[in-house]
N, C-alpha and C. Protein backbone atom coordinates (compact mmCIF):
# COMPACT_ATOMS: atom_id res chain seq x y z
N MET A 1 68.49 46.09 61.64
CA MET A 1 70.33 45.50 62.88
C MET A 1 70.75 46.96 62.89
N ARG A 2 71.11 47.73 62.14
CA ARG A 2 71.96 48.89 62.21
C ARG A 2 70.96 49.64 63.70
N LYS A 3 69.79 49.96 63.24
CA LYS A 3 69.07 50.79 64.32
C LYS A 3 69.35 50.07 65.78
N LEU A 4 69.42 49.14 65.91
CA LEU A 4 69.33 48.65 66.98
C LEU A 4 71.02 48.85 67.54
N GLY A 5 72.01 48.53 66.70
CA GLY A 5 73.33 48.62 67.03
C GLY A 5 73.39 50.50 67.29
N PHE A 6 73.01 51.26 66.63
CA PHE A 6 72.74 52.62 66.89
C PHE A 6 72.37 52.92 68.05
N LEU A 7 71.19 52.35 68.59
CA LEU A 7 70.63 52.74 70.06
C LEU A 7 71.43 52.33 70.89
N ALA A 8 72.01 51.10 70.79
CA ALA A 8 73.00 50.89 72.15
C ALA A 8 74.30 51.60 71.96
N ILE A 9 74.71 52.34 70.98
CA ILE A 9 76.07 53.09 71.00
C ILE A 9 75.49 54.28 71.55
N VAL A 10 74.26 54.95 71.20
CA VAL A 10 73.67 55.86 71.86
C VAL A 10 73.46 55.50 73.54
N PHE A 11 72.94 54.60 73.82
CA PHE A 11 72.86 54.54 75.34
C PHE A 11 74.26 54.21 76.08
N MET A 12 75.09 53.59 75.39
CA MET A 12 76.36 53.68 76.18
C MET A 12 76.92 54.93 76.03
N CYS A 13 76.72 55.54 75.11
CA CYS A 13 77.13 57.24 75.48
C CYS A 13 76.49 57.80 76.56
N LEU A 14 75.37 57.82 76.37
CA LEU A 14 74.42 58.75 77.68
C LEU A 14 74.63 57.81 78.73
N CYS A 15 74.90 56.64 78.97
CA CYS A 15 75.30 56.30 80.60
C CYS A 15 76.95 56.54 80.80
N PHE A 16 77.75 56.85 79.90
CA PHE A 16 79.07 57.21 80.54
C PHE A 16 79.59 58.46 80.45
N CYS A 17 78.78 59.30 79.53
CA CYS A 17 79.28 60.19 79.36
C CYS A 17 79.30 61.19 80.79
N PRO A 18 78.14 61.07 81.70
CA PRO A 18 78.43 61.90 82.89
C PRO A 18 79.53 61.15 83.77
N LEU A 19 80.18 60.29 83.63
CA LEU A 19 80.70 59.64 84.30
C LEU A 19 82.34 60.29 84.27
N SER A 20 82.51 60.52 82.80
CA SER A 20 83.74 61.52 82.62
C SER A 20 83.89 62.70 82.87
N LEU A 21 82.48 63.39 83.66
CA LEU A 21 82.91 65.12 83.76
C LEU A 21 83.78 64.87 85.45
N ALA A 22 84.54 65.74 85.59
CA ALA A 22 85.03 65.85 86.82
C ALA A 22 84.38 66.68 87.49
N ASP A 23 83.59 66.02 88.66
CA ASP A 23 82.45 66.45 90.06
C ASP A 23 83.62 66.67 91.29
N THR A 24 83.91 67.97 91.21
CA THR A 24 84.91 68.65 92.17
C THR A 24 84.30 68.76 93.51
N GLU A 25 84.93 68.70 94.57
CA GLU A 25 83.99 68.80 96.06
C GLU A 25 84.39 70.20 96.16
N MET A 26 83.09 70.75 97.29
CA MET A 26 83.81 72.06 97.87
C MET A 26 84.60 72.14 98.78
N LEU A 27 85.18 73.56 98.50
CA LEU A 27 86.67 73.93 98.94
C LEU A 27 86.47 74.98 99.69
N ASN A 28 87.43 75.14 100.69
CA ASN A 28 87.77 76.89 101.26
C ASN A 28 89.12 77.12 100.55
N TRP A 29 88.67 78.41 100.37
CA TRP A 29 89.66 79.21 99.93
C TRP A 29 89.96 80.57 100.81
N CYS A 30 91.07 81.03 100.69
CA CYS A 30 91.43 82.10 101.71
C CYS A 30 92.32 82.98 100.83
N GLY A 31 91.59 84.49 100.80
CA GLY A 31 92.35 85.12 99.37
C GLY A 31 91.73 86.58 99.95
N THR A 32 92.55 87.63 99.12
CA THR A 32 92.14 88.69 98.86
C THR A 32 91.20 88.90 97.66
N TYR A 33 89.89 90.03 98.14
CA TYR A 33 88.86 90.34 97.31
C TYR A 33 89.10 91.43 96.29
N PHE A 34 89.20 91.27 95.08
CA PHE A 34 89.27 92.80 94.43
C PHE A 34 88.04 92.52 93.36
N GLU A 35 87.26 93.54 92.45
CA GLU A 35 86.98 93.71 91.26
C GLU A 35 87.62 94.31 90.32
N ALA A 36 87.55 93.93 89.06
CA ALA A 36 87.97 94.47 87.79
C ALA A 36 87.03 94.26 86.70
N ASN A 37 86.91 95.44 85.66
CA ASN A 37 85.78 94.88 84.70
C ASN A 37 84.47 94.01 84.91
N ASN A 38 84.15 94.83 86.13
CA ASN A 38 82.58 94.25 86.39
C ASN A 38 82.74 92.77 86.78
N GLN A 39 84.20 92.30 87.42
CA GLN A 39 83.98 91.06 87.75
C GLN A 39 84.52 90.60 88.93
N SER A 40 84.14 89.97 89.75
CA SER A 40 84.80 89.54 90.90
C SER A 40 86.10 88.50 91.13
N TYR A 41 87.31 88.68 91.49
CA TYR A 41 88.13 88.03 91.52
C TYR A 41 88.73 87.57 93.07
N LEU A 42 89.31 86.76 93.21
CA LEU A 42 89.74 86.16 94.45
C LEU A 42 91.39 85.82 94.01
N ARG A 43 92.25 86.65 94.85
CA ARG A 43 93.71 86.44 94.75
C ARG A 43 93.85 85.52 95.58
N ILE A 44 94.52 84.38 95.65
CA ILE A 44 95.01 83.25 96.22
C ILE A 44 96.34 82.92 96.41
N ALA A 45 96.84 82.08 97.25
CA ALA A 45 98.08 81.52 96.98
C ALA A 45 98.05 80.53 95.69
N ARG A 46 99.02 80.60 95.01
CA ARG A 46 99.27 79.43 93.80
C ARG A 46 99.25 78.04 94.23
N GLY A 47 99.89 77.48 95.36
CA GLY A 47 99.56 76.45 96.22
C GLY A 47 98.81 75.56 96.44
N ASP A 48 97.75 76.93 96.35
CA ASP A 48 96.19 76.50 96.93
C ASP A 48 95.07 76.32 95.82
N LEU A 49 95.34 76.62 94.53
CA LEU A 49 94.61 76.27 93.83
C LEU A 49 93.77 74.77 93.50
N PHE A 50 94.44 73.75 93.79
CA PHE A 50 93.59 72.68 93.46
C PHE A 50 93.18 71.88 94.82
N THR A 51 93.93 72.80 96.04
CA THR A 51 93.46 71.95 97.39
C THR A 51 92.57 72.70 98.31
N GLY A 52 92.46 73.76 98.02
CA GLY A 52 91.82 74.97 98.93
C GLY A 52 92.88 75.32 100.11
N SER A 53 92.54 76.30 101.06
CA SER A 53 93.43 76.98 102.12
C SER A 53 92.66 76.04 103.14
N ASN A 54 93.75 75.62 103.99
CA ASN A 54 93.29 74.58 105.42
C ASN A 54 93.46 75.85 106.53
N ILE A 55 94.30 76.69 106.52
CA ILE A 55 94.49 77.82 107.64
C ILE A 55 93.79 78.94 106.54
N CYS A 56 93.43 80.07 107.29
CA CYS A 56 93.00 81.35 106.99
C CYS A 56 92.96 82.45 107.98
N ASP A 57 94.59 82.83 107.91
CA ASP A 57 94.46 83.94 108.84
C ASP A 57 95.47 84.74 107.74
N ILE A 58 95.70 86.26 108.53
CA ILE A 58 96.39 86.90 107.52
C ILE A 58 97.84 86.91 107.10
N GLU A 59 98.60 86.16 108.63
CA GLU A 59 99.85 86.06 108.30
C GLU A 59 100.12 84.75 107.42
N ALA A 60 99.32 83.40 107.71
CA ALA A 60 99.71 82.52 106.98
C ALA A 60 99.29 82.77 105.72
N TYR A 61 98.16 83.50 104.85
CA TYR A 61 97.96 83.96 103.89
C TYR A 61 99.19 84.57 103.22
N HIS A 62 99.85 85.64 103.74
CA HIS A 62 100.62 86.43 102.96
C HIS A 62 101.95 85.21 103.21
N GLN A 63 102.30 84.58 103.98
CA GLN A 63 103.37 83.54 103.78
C GLN A 63 103.44 82.63 102.69
N ARG A 64 102.10 82.06 102.67
CA ARG A 64 101.76 81.39 101.42
C ARG A 64 102.00 82.11 99.85
N ILE A 65 101.62 83.41 99.92
CA ILE A 65 101.65 84.12 98.51
C ILE A 65 103.14 84.56 98.67
N MET A 66 103.93 84.85 99.78
CA MET A 66 105.20 85.04 99.64
C MET A 66 106.04 83.88 98.97
N SER A 67 105.52 82.41 99.29
CA SER A 67 106.41 81.43 99.23
C SER A 67 106.08 80.69 97.53
N SER A 68 104.82 80.93 97.13
CA SER A 68 104.36 80.36 96.50
C SER A 68 103.65 81.32 94.80
N GLY A 69 104.00 82.47 95.37
CA GLY A 69 103.21 83.70 94.70
C GLY A 69 101.89 83.48 94.49
N HIS A 70 101.13 83.92 93.51
CA HIS A 70 99.47 84.49 93.72
C HIS A 70 98.76 83.87 92.39
N ILE A 71 97.60 83.89 92.20
CA ILE A 71 96.76 83.81 91.09
C ILE A 71 95.53 84.21 91.20
N ASN A 72 94.80 84.78 90.29
CA ASN A 72 93.55 85.43 90.30
C ASN A 72 92.50 84.32 89.73
N LEU A 73 91.29 84.02 90.92
CA LEU A 73 90.44 83.13 90.50
C LEU A 73 89.13 84.24 90.10
N ALA A 74 88.10 83.52 89.08
CA ALA A 74 87.00 84.50 89.03
C ALA A 74 85.99 83.87 89.70
N LEU A 75 85.18 84.48 90.74
CA LEU A 75 84.06 84.62 91.44
C LEU A 75 82.90 84.59 90.66
N ASN A 76 82.18 83.50 90.68
CA ASN A 76 80.36 83.57 90.24
C ASN A 76 79.78 83.09 91.31
N HIS A 77 79.09 83.98 91.77
CA HIS A 77 78.30 84.05 92.86
C HIS A 77 77.10 83.32 92.57
N SER A 78 76.03 83.79 91.37
CA SER A 78 74.92 83.41 90.95
C SER A 78 74.70 84.07 89.88
N LYS A 79 73.60 83.78 89.20
CA LYS A 79 72.81 84.30 87.92
C LYS A 79 72.34 85.67 87.92
N ASN A 80 72.12 85.97 89.33
CA ASN A 80 71.70 87.21 89.69
C ASN A 80 72.89 88.20 90.15
N ARG A 81 73.08 89.11 89.24
CA ARG A 81 74.03 90.09 89.29
C ARG A 81 74.11 90.94 90.68
N ASN A 82 72.84 91.18 91.44
CA ASN A 82 72.87 92.16 92.20
C ASN A 82 73.24 91.79 93.76
N VAL A 83 73.71 90.29 93.82
CA VAL A 83 74.55 89.68 94.99
C VAL A 83 76.00 90.16 94.75
N ALA A 84 76.53 90.29 93.47
CA ALA A 84 77.83 91.00 93.56
C ALA A 84 78.06 92.36 93.72
N GLY A 85 77.19 93.01 93.95
CA GLY A 85 77.12 94.58 94.54
C GLY A 85 77.14 94.26 96.02
N LYS A 86 76.66 93.54 96.78
CA LYS A 86 76.91 93.27 98.08
C LYS A 86 78.74 92.54 98.57
N TRP A 87 79.18 92.51 97.53
CA TRP A 87 80.61 91.98 98.19
C TRP A 87 81.43 93.04 97.36
N ARG A 88 81.18 94.09 97.19
CA ARG A 88 81.74 95.13 97.50
C ARG A 88 82.68 96.11 98.75
N LYS A 89 81.92 95.89 99.68
CA LYS A 89 82.41 96.03 101.04
C LYS A 89 83.51 95.59 101.20
N PHE A 90 83.93 94.02 100.47
CA PHE A 90 84.97 93.17 101.17
C PHE A 90 86.40 93.21 100.27
N THR A 91 86.16 94.52 99.46
CA THR A 91 87.65 95.17 98.77
C THR A 91 88.90 95.15 99.38
N ASP A 92 89.45 94.56 98.63
CA ASP A 92 90.97 94.53 99.56
C ASP A 92 90.82 93.76 100.85
N HIS A 93 89.78 93.07 101.42
CA HIS A 93 89.62 92.30 102.42
C HIS A 93 90.45 90.97 102.26
N VAL A 94 90.96 90.48 102.98
CA VAL A 94 91.28 89.08 103.15
C VAL A 94 89.90 88.31 103.71
N ILE A 95 89.21 87.42 102.76
CA ILE A 95 87.84 86.65 103.07
C ILE A 95 88.30 85.20 103.03
N GLU A 96 87.57 84.21 103.41
CA GLU A 96 87.62 82.81 103.20
C GLU A 96 86.01 82.66 102.58
N VAL A 97 86.24 81.95 101.45
CA VAL A 97 85.10 81.60 100.61
C VAL A 97 84.83 80.34 100.20
N ARG A 98 83.75 79.87 100.06
CA ARG A 98 83.44 78.22 99.69
C ARG A 98 82.85 78.00 98.58
N GLY A 99 83.11 76.70 97.64
CA GLY A 99 82.98 76.84 96.53
C GLY A 99 83.54 75.88 95.54
N LYS A 100 83.24 75.56 94.55
CA LYS A 100 83.53 74.66 93.81
C LYS A 100 84.48 75.12 92.43
N ILE A 101 85.44 74.59 92.11
CA ILE A 101 86.18 75.00 90.96
C ILE A 101 85.71 74.55 89.95
N GLN A 102 85.71 75.49 88.75
CA GLN A 102 85.20 74.83 87.67
C GLN A 102 85.74 75.76 86.34
N ASN A 103 86.44 75.49 85.37
CA ASN A 103 86.86 76.00 84.22
C ASN A 103 87.85 77.76 84.66
N GLY A 104 88.35 77.33 85.98
CA GLY A 104 89.13 78.65 86.27
C GLY A 104 88.52 79.64 87.04
N SER A 105 87.30 79.37 87.49
CA SER A 105 86.60 79.99 88.46
C SER A 105 86.01 79.30 89.74
N ILE A 106 85.19 80.16 90.74
CA ILE A 106 84.81 79.63 91.91
C ILE A 106 83.30 79.71 91.29
N ILE A 107 82.86 78.38 91.54
CA ILE A 107 81.28 78.53 91.09
C ILE A 107 80.56 78.56 92.78
N GLY A 108 79.49 78.88 92.77
CA GLY A 108 78.79 78.56 93.79
C GLY A 108 79.48 79.25 95.21
N THR A 109 79.91 80.05 94.83
CA THR A 109 80.78 81.31 95.91
C THR A 109 79.84 81.36 97.18
N ARG A 110 80.39 80.92 98.31
CA ARG A 110 79.67 81.45 99.83
C ARG A 110 80.57 81.69 100.66
N LEU A 111 80.09 83.28 101.08
CA LEU A 111 81.28 83.80 102.37
C LEU A 111 81.36 82.90 103.56
N VAL A 112 82.37 82.53 103.56
CA VAL A 112 82.69 82.22 105.30
C VAL A 112 82.62 82.93 106.04
N ARG A 113 83.81 83.81 106.19
CA ARG A 113 84.19 84.88 106.98
C ARG A 113 85.49 85.91 106.39
N ASP A 114 85.02 87.20 107.08
CA ASP A 114 86.28 88.09 106.81
C ASP A 114 87.02 88.37 107.60
N ILE A 115 88.05 88.21 107.12
CA ILE A 115 89.51 88.41 108.23
C ILE A 115 89.55 89.36 108.23
N GLY A 116 89.61 90.59 107.49
CA GLY A 116 90.10 92.06 107.46
C GLY A 116 90.97 92.30 106.43
N VAL A 117 91.78 93.80 106.82
CA VAL A 117 92.38 94.18 105.90
C VAL A 117 94.15 93.74 105.92
């Protein structure tokens, strides 16, 4: 009887554990790309952290930075580090990226467009 109860508890844990994880949606972020300590970062407006950026142009980006401040999010491109080298041409550019936020970084990062300097 104890084994049956234990199996029931394990089954319940396996069924409900995936439901407790936050499944975030894909969002677009507008920000300035830079690298520090061999890590890629995107400097975004603090107000865009959980909602993403609806409008991505240089004037609107700078206005949001001035009104709410900024925050730096790490970018996880992929497991292949060669991809990060291709992003160096966007240093100090305002870019729009798409991805999911997880543990304070953007995972599955994809470049949407380069706005410019």
